[in-house]
PDB file of N, CA and C in Angstrom:
ATOM      1  N   MET A   1      17.606 -73.048   9.249  1.00  0.00           N
ATOM      2  CA  MET A   1      16.301 -72.521   9.493  1.00  0.00           C
ATOM      3  C   MET A   1      16.452 -70.468   9.734  1.00  0.00           C
ATOM      4  N   LYS A   2      15.897 -70.339   9.005  1.00  0.00           N
ATOM      5  CA  LYS A   2      15.518 -68.819   8.930  1.00  0.00           C
ATOM      6  C   LYS A   2      13.728 -68.159   9.201  1.00  0.00           C
ATOM      7  N   LEU A   3      13.992 -67.461  10.280  1.00  0.00           N
ATOM      8  CA  LEU A   3      12.439 -66.098  10.491  1.00  0.00           C
ATOM      9  C   LEU A   3      12.290 -65.915   9.419  1.00  0.00           C
ATOM     10  N   ALA A   4      10.955 -65.963   8.645  1.00  0.00           N
ATOM     11  CA  ALA A   4      10.091 -65.636   7.384  1.00  0.00           C
ATOM     12  C   ALA A   4       9.097 -64.720   7.748  1.00  0.00           C
ATOM     13  N   TYR A   5       8.550 -64.387   9.094  1.00  0.00           N
ATOM     14  CA  TYR A   5       7.632 -63.929   9.117  1.00  0.00           C
ATOM     15  C   TYR A   5       6.993 -64.010  10.812  1.00  0.00           C
ATOM     16  N   THR A   6       6.202 -63.063  11.100  1.00  0.00           N
ATOM     17  CA  THR A   6       5.859 -62.940  12.493  1.00  0.00           C
ATOM     18  C   THR A   6       4.561 -61.893  13.279  1.00  0.00           C
ATOM     19  N   HIS A   7       3.716 -62.314  13.650  1.00  0.00           N
ATOM     20  CA  HIS A   7       2.755 -61.171  14.174  1.00  0.00           C
ATOM     21  C   HIS A   7       2.207 -61.872  14.800  1.00  0.00           C
ATOM     22  N   PRO A   8       1.132 -60.610  15.842  1.00  0.00           N
ATOM     23  CA  PRO A   8       0.660 -61.070  17.419  1.00  0.00           C
ATOM     24  C   PRO A   8      -0.774 -61.743  16.979  1.00  0.00           C
ATOM     25  N   ASN A   9      -0.897 -62.029  16.001  1.00  0.00           N
ATOM     26  CA  ASN A   9      -2.244 -62.614  15.770  1.00  0.00           C
ATOM     27  C   ASN A   9      -1.434 -64.088  15.085  1.00  0.00           C
ATOM     28  N   GLY A  10      -2.067 -65.119  15.390  1.00  0.00           N
ATOM     29  CA  GLY A  10      -1.821 -66.564  15.295  1.00  0.00           C
ATOM     30  C   GLY A  10      -2.415 -67.170  14.030  1.00  0.00           C
ATOM     31  N   ILE A  11      -3.387 -66.140  13.589  1.00  0.00           N
ATOM     32  CA  ILE A  11      -4.181 -66.167  12.626  1.00  0.00           C
ATOM     33  C   ILE A  11      -3.628 -65.849  11.447  1.00  0.00           C
ATOM     34  N   VAL A  12      -3.042 -64.748  11.400  1.00  0.00           N
ATOM     35  CA  VAL A  12      -2.303 -64.249  10.379  1.00  0.00           C
ATOM     36  C   VAL A  12      -1.218 -64.940   9.695  1.00  0.00           C
ATOM     37  N   VAL A  13      -0.447 -65.545  10.989  1.00  0.00           N
ATOM     38  CA  VAL A  13       0.688 -66.090  10.832  1.00  0.00           C
ATOM     39  C   VAL A  13       0.493 -67.614  10.095  1.00  0.00           C
ATOM     40  N   ALA A  14      -0.955 -68.328  10.475  1.00  0.00           N
ATOM     41  CA  ALA A  14      -0.881 -69.590   9.867  1.00  0.00           C
ATOM     42  C   ALA A  14      -1.571 -69.199   8.398  1.00  0.00           C
ATOM     43  N   GLN A  15      -2.346 -68.200   8.176  1.00  0.00           N
ATOM     44  CA  GLN A  15      -2.452 -67.482   6.782  1.00  0.00           C
ATOM     45  C   GLN A  15      -0.552 -67.419   5.831  1.00  0.00           C
ATOM     46  N   ALA A  16      -0.141 -66.793   6.568  1.00  0.00           N
ATOM     47  CA  ALA A  16       1.487 -66.907   5.810  1.00  0.00           C
ATOM     48  C   ALA A  16       1.802 -68.049   5.704  1.00  0.00           C
ATOM     49  N   ARG A  17       1.974 -68.769   6.617  1.00  0.00           N
ATOM     50  CA  ARG A  17       2.393 -70.279   6.387  1.00  0.00           C
ATOM     51  C   ARG A  17       1.635 -70.839   4.965  1.00  0.00           C
ATOM     52  N   SER A  18       0.738 -70.803   4.856  1.00  0.00           N
ATOM     53  CA  SER A  18      -0.503 -71.013   3.471  1.00  0.00           C
ATOM     54  C   SER A  18       0.168 -70.965   2.596  1.00  0.00           C
ATOM     55  N   VAL A  19       0.335 -69.403   2.483  1.00  0.00           N
ATOM     56  CA  VAL A  19       0.963 -68.725   1.560  1.00  0.00           C
ATOM     57  C   VAL A  19       2.560 -69.736   0.972  1.00  0.00           C
ATOM     58  N   LEU A  20       3.057 -69.696   1.579  1.00  0.00           N
ATOM     59  CA  LEU A  20       4.826 -70.641   1.498  1.00  0.00           C
ATOM     60  C   LEU A  20       4.162 -72.126   1.155  1.00  0.00           C
ATOM     61  N   GLU A  21       3.147 -72.292   1.854  1.00  0.00           N
ATOM     62  CA  GLU A  21       3.026 -73.740   1.878  1.00  0.00           C
ATOM     63  C   GLU A  21       2.679 -73.977   0.136  1.00  0.00           C
ATOM     64  N   LEU A  22       1.504 -73.608  -0.314  1.00  0.00           N
ATOM     65  CA  LEU A  22       1.124 -73.255  -1.472  1.00  0.00           C
ATOM     66  C   LEU A  22       2.323 -72.890  -2.922  1.00  0.00           C
ATOM     67  N   ALA A  23       3.048 -71.941  -2.550  1.00  0.00           N
ATOM     68  CA  ALA A  23       3.987 -72.113  -3.300  1.00  0.00           C
ATOM     69  C   ALA A  23       5.762 -72.815  -3.161  1.00  0.00           C
ATOM     70  N   GLY A  24       5.290 -74.085  -2.464  1.00  0.00           N
ATOM     71  CA  GLY A  24       6.200 -75.292  -2.531  1.00  0.00           C
ATOM     72  C   GLY A  24       7.600 -74.666  -1.021  1.00  0.00           C
ATOM     73  N   ILE A  25       7.121 -73.803  -0.372  1.00  0.00           N
ATOM     74  CA  ILE A  25       8.395 -73.513   0.514  1.00  0.00           C
ATOM     75  C   ILE A  25       7.859 -74.281   1.675  1.00  0.00           C
ATOM     76  N   ASP A  26       8.851 -74.661   2.131  1.00  0.00           N
ATOM     77  CA  ASP A  26       8.728 -75.862   3.393  1.00  0.00           C
ATOM     78  C   ASP A  26       9.075 -74.748   4.405  1.00  0.00           C
ATOM     79  N   SER A  27       7.766 -74.884   5.866  1.00  0.00           N
ATOM     80  CA  SER A  27       8.221 -73.910   7.020  1.00  0.00           C
ATOM     81  C   SER A  27       7.451 -74.652   8.192  1.00  0.00           C
ATOM     82  N   VAL A  28       8.139 -73.883   9.153  1.00  0.00           N
ATOM     83  CA  VAL A  28       7.048 -74.755  10.155  1.00  0.00           C
ATOM     84  C   VAL A  28       6.745 -73.354  10.913  1.00  0.00           C
ATOM     85  N   LEU A  29       5.577 -73.770  11.728  1.00  0.00           N
ATOM     86  CA  LEU A  29       5.433 -72.308  13.174  1.00  0.00           C
ATOM     87  C   LEU A  29       5.874 -73.060  13.980  1.00  0.00           C
ATOM     88  N   ARG A  30       6.038 -71.966  15.280  1.00  0.00           N
ATOM     89  CA  ARG A  30       6.997 -71.769  16.370  1.00  0.00           C
ATOM     90  C   ARG A  30       5.731 -70.554  17.193  1.00  0.00           C
ATOM     91  N   ASN A  31       5.982 -70.794  18.583  1.00  0.00           N
ATOM     92  CA  ASN A  31       5.958 -69.772  19.757  1.00  0.00           C
ATOM     93  C   ASN A  31       4.012 -69.885  19.210  1.00  0.00           C
ATOM     94  N   GLU A  32       2.831 -70.807  18.795  1.00  0.00           N
ATOM     95  CA  GLU A  32       2.097 -71.281  18.808  1.00  0.00           C
ATOM     96  C   GLU A  32       1.276 -70.989  19.943  1.00  0.00           C
ATOM     97  N   PHE A  33       1.744 -71.210  20.575  1.00  0.00           N
ATOM     98  CA  PHE A  33       0.797 -71.402  22.111  1.00  0.00           C
ATOM     99  C   PHE A  33       2.104 -70.987  23.412  1.00  0.00           C
ATOM    100  N   ALA A  34       2.617 -69.619  22.967  1.00  0.00           N
ATOM    101  CA  ALA A  34       3.500 -69.178  23.803  1.00  0.00           C
ATOM    102  C   ALA A  34       2.937 -67.668  24.305  1.00  0.00           C
ATOM    103  N   SER A  35       2.049 -67.673  24.047  1.00  0.00           N
ATOM    104  CA  SER A  35       1.074 -66.096  25.081  1.00  0.00           C
ATOM    105  C   SER A  35       1.117 -66.283  26.080  1.00  0.00           C
ATOM    106  N   GLY A  36       0.880 -67.834  26.606  1.00  0.00           N
ATOM    107  CA  GLY A  36       0.845 -68.131  28.221  1.00  0.00           C
ATOM    108  C   GLY A  36       1.996 -67.303  28.740  1.00  0.00           C
ATOM    109  N   ALA A  37       3.393 -67.395  27.928  1.00  0.00           N
ATOM    110  CA  ALA A  37       4.142 -66.691  28.695  1.00  0.00           C
ATOM    111  C   ALA A  37       4.489 -65.248  28.808  1.00  0.00           C
ATOM    112  N   ILE A  38       3.726 -64.699  28.485  1.00  0.00           N
ATOM    113  CA  ILE A  38       3.592 -62.716  28.151  1.00  0.00           C
ATOM    114  C   ILE A  38       3.659 -62.444  29.933  1.00  0.00           C
ATOM    115  N   GLY A  39       4.482 -61.950  30.182  1.00  0.00           N
ATOM    116  CA  GLY A  39       4.536 -61.297  31.660  1.00  0.00           C
ATOM    117  C   GLY A  39       6.186 -61.819  31.864  1.00  0.00           C
ATOM    118  N   GLU A  40       6.539 -63.432  31.940  1.00  0.00           N
ATOM    119  CA  GLU A  40       7.597 -63.795  31.937  1.00  0.00           C
ATOM    120  C   GLU A  40       8.689 -63.302  30.739  1.00  0.00           C
ATOM    121  N   LEU A  41       8.251 -62.887  29.325  1.00  0.00           N
ATOM    122  CA  LEU A  41       8.945 -62.865  28.413  1.00  0.00           C
ATOM    123  C   LEU A  41       8.309 -61.214  27.496  1.00  0.00           C
ATOM    124  N   ALA A  42       8.875 -60.638  27.167  1.00  0.00           N
ATOM    125  CA  ALA A  42       8.305 -59.259  26.289  1.00  0.00           C
ATOM    126  C   ALA A  42       7.164 -59.764  25.261  1.00  0.00           C
ATOM    127  N   PRO A  43       6.315 -59.304  24.721  1.00  0.00           N
ATOM    128  CA  PRO A  43       4.963 -59.760  24.550  1.00  0.00           C
ATOM    129  C   PRO A  43       5.938 -59.865  23.186  1.00  0.00           C
ATOM    130  N   ILE A  44       6.952 -59.049  22.432  1.00  0.00           N
ATOM    131  CA  ILE A  44       7.178 -59.616  20.901  1.00  0.00           C
ATOM    132  C   ILE A  44       7.937 -60.883  20.839  1.00  0.00           C
ATOM    133  N   ASP A  45       8.271 -61.249  22.021  1.00  0.00           N
ATOM    134  CA  ASP A  45       9.248 -62.608  22.362  1.00  0.00           C
ATOM    135  C   ASP A  45       8.109 -63.683  22.131  1.00  0.00           C
ATOM    136  N   ALA A  46       6.809 -63.860  22.266  1.00  0.00           N
ATOM    137  CA  ALA A  46       6.130 -64.599  22.409  1.00  0.00           C
ATOM    138  C   ALA A  46       4.888 -64.898  21.284  1.00  0.00           C
ATOM    139  N   TRP A  47       5.218 -63.569  19.948  1.00  0.00           N
ATOM    140  CA  TRP A  47       4.500 -64.048  19.222  1.00  0.00           C
ATOM    141  C   TRP A  47       4.809 -65.364  18.157  1.00  0.00           C
ATOM    142  N   PRO A  48       3.837 -65.661  17.361  1.00  0.00           N
ATOM    143  CA  PRO A  48       3.861 -66.932  16.552  1.00  0.00           C
ATOM    144  C   PRO A  48       4.552 -66.416  15.446  1.00  0.00           C
ATOM    145  N   GLU A  49       5.455 -67.372  14.730  1.00  0.00           N
ATOM    146  CA  GLU A  49       6.211 -67.002  13.817  1.00  0.00           C
ATOM    147  C   GLU A  49       6.323 -68.533  13.226  1.00  0.00           C
ATOM    148  N   VAL A  50       7.213 -67.865  11.774  1.00  0.00           N
ATOM    149  CA  VAL A  50       6.794 -68.799  10.695  1.00  0.00           C
ATOM    150  C   VAL A  50       8.317 -68.788   9.891  1.00  0.00           C
ATOM    151  N   TRP A  51       8.947 -70.216  10.309  1.00  0.00           N
ATOM    152  CA  TRP A  51      10.456 -70.055   9.943  1.00  0.00           C
ATOM    153  C   TRP A  51      10.838 -71.200   8.553  1.00  0.00           C
ATOM    154  N   VAL A  52      11.040 -70.632   8.160  1.00  0.00           N
ATOM    155  CA  VAL A  52      11.505 -71.186   6.371  1.00  0.00           C
ATOM    156  C   VAL A  52      12.840 -72.328   6.984  1.00  0.00           C
ATOM    157  N   VAL A  53      12.209 -73.773   6.089  1.00  0.00           N
ATOM    158  CA  VAL A  53      13.665 -75.007   6.828  1.00  0.00           C
ATOM    159  C   VAL A  53      14.412 -74.489   6.040  1.00  0.00           C
ATOM    160  N   ARG A  54      14.324 -74.543   4.539  1.00  0.00           N
ATOM    161  CA  ARG A  54      16.115 -73.856   3.933  1.00  0.00           C
ATOM    162  C   ARG A  54      16.330 -73.137   3.509  1.00  0.00           C
ATOM    163  N   ASP A  55      17.306 -72.307   4.349  1.00  0.00           N
ATOM    164  CA  ASP A  55      17.498 -70.950   4.303  1.00  0.00           C
ATOM    165  C   ASP A  55      18.013 -70.271   2.594  1.00  0.00           C
ATOM    166  N   ARG A  56      18.276 -71.064   1.709  1.00  0.00           N
ATOM    167  CA  ARG A  56      17.998 -70.227  -0.019  1.00  0.00           C
ATOM    168  C   ARG A  56      16.927 -69.963   0.091  1.00  0.00           C
ATOM    169  N   ASP A  57      15.349 -70.597   0.819  1.00  0.00           N
ATOM    170  CA  ASP A  57      14.395 -69.813   0.291  1.00  0.00           C
ATOM    171  C   ASP A  57      13.819 -68.999   1.502  1.00  0.00           C
ATOM    172  N   CYS A  58      14.782 -68.147   2.082  1.00  0.00           N
ATOM    173  CA  CYS A  58      13.745 -67.152   2.606  1.00  0.00           C
ATOM    174  C   CYS A  58      13.673 -65.855   2.230  1.00  0.00           C
ATOM    175  N   GLU A  59      14.344 -65.339   1.611  1.00  0.00           N
ATOM    176  CA  GLU A  59      14.506 -64.715   0.657  1.00  0.00           C
ATOM    177  C   GLU A  59      13.295 -64.050   0.009  1.00  0.00           C
ATOM    178  N   THR A  60      12.700 -65.190  -1.081  1.00  0.00           N
ATOM    179  CA  THR A  60      11.459 -66.007  -1.570  1.00  0.00           C
ATOM    180  C   THR A  60      10.768 -65.829  -1.248  1.00  0.00           C
ATOM    181  N   ALA A  61      10.691 -66.917   0.512  1.00  0.00           N
ATOM    182  CA  ALA A  61       9.327 -66.664   1.317  1.00  0.00           C
ATOM    183  C   ALA A  61       9.126 -65.210   1.597  1.00  0.00           C
ATOM    184  N   ILE A  62       9.624 -64.484   1.481  1.00  0.00           N
ATOM    185  CA  ILE A  62       9.672 -63.027   2.367  1.00  0.00           C
ATOM    186  C   ILE A  62       8.826 -62.351   0.958  1.00  0.00           C
ATOM    187  N   ARG A  63       9.539 -62.021   0.385  1.00  0.00           N
ATOM    188  CA  ARG A  63       9.131 -61.317  -0.963  1.00  0.00           C
ATOM    189  C   ARG A  63       7.678 -61.919  -1.269  1.00  0.00           C
ATOM    190  N   LEU A  64       7.163 -62.903  -1.135  1.00  0.00           N
ATOM    191  CA  LEU A  64       5.785 -63.928  -1.510  1.00  0.00           C
ATOM    192  C   LEU A  64       4.828 -63.125  -0.509  1.00  0.00           C
ATOM    193  N   LEU A  65       5.318 -63.025   0.733  1.00  0.00           N
ATOM    194  CA  LEU A  65       4.289 -62.784   1.723  1.00  0.00           C
ATOM    195  C   LEU A  65       4.636 -60.971   2.256  1.00  0.00           C
ATOM    196  N   LYS A  66       5.192 -60.228   1.241  1.00  0.00           N
ATOM    197  CA  LYS A  66       4.676 -59.085   1.499  1.00  0.00           C
ATOM    198  C   LYS A  66       4.300 -58.539  -0.023  1.00  0.00           C
ATOM    199  N   GLU A  67       4.326 -59.160  -0.890  1.00  0.00           N
ATOM    200  CA  GLU A  67       3.051 -59.501  -1.976  1.00  0.00           C
ATOM    201  C   GLU A  67       1.731 -59.504  -2.048  1.00  0.00           C
ATOM    202  N   ALA A  68       2.030 -61.189  -0.979  1.00  0.00           N
ATOM    203  CA  ALA A  68       0.171 -61.335  -0.060  1.00  0.00           C
ATOM    204  C   ALA A  68      -0.425 -60.215   0.611  1.00  0.00           C
ATOM    205  N   GLN A  69       0.934 -59.456   1.396  1.00  0.00           N
ATOM    206  CA  GLN A  69      -0.038 -58.428   2.540  1.00  0.00           C
ATOM    207  C   GLN A  69      -0.077 -57.632   1.333  1.00  0.00           C
ATOM    208  N   LYS A  70       0.218 -57.115   0.304  1.00  0.00           N
ATOM    209  CA  LYS A  70      -0.093 -55.964  -0.726  1.00  0.00           C
ATOM    210  C   LYS A  70      -1.233 -56.240  -1.227  1.00  0.00           C
ATOM    211  N   THR A  71      -2.188 -57.437  -1.649  1.00  0.00           N
ATOM    212  CA  THR A  71      -3.201 -58.135  -1.889  1.00  0.00           C
ATOM    213  C   THR A  71      -4.545 -57.827  -0.908  1.00  0.00           C
ATOM    214  N   VAL A  72      -3.962 -57.808   0.231  1.00  0.00           N
ATOM    215  CA  VAL A  72      -4.935 -57.814   1.263  1.00  0.00           C
ATOM    216  C   VAL A  72      -5.440 -56.663   1.691  1.00  0.00           C
ATOM    217  N   ASN A  73      -4.291 -55.695   1.430  1.00  0.00           N
ATOM    218  CA  ASN A  73      -4.582 -54.194   1.707  1.00  0.00           C
ATOM    219  C   ASN A  73      -5.443 -53.695   0.889  1.00  0.00           C
TER     220      ASN A  73
END
């Protein structure tokens, strides 16, 4: 598994995972509920994350997420 995306806003991370799901890329969310650990951890270490299950899909996932972000801005 490889990290494909992280952001401080859980809703943005969930949307990123949806983009990957629609593309047929298996992924999992991590740190969904880690915000309570801020103070003991650095804030960035508690951000929600999308991890791609198959390493070979990671580059494609990152590219898709960058393209999706461009259409939002």
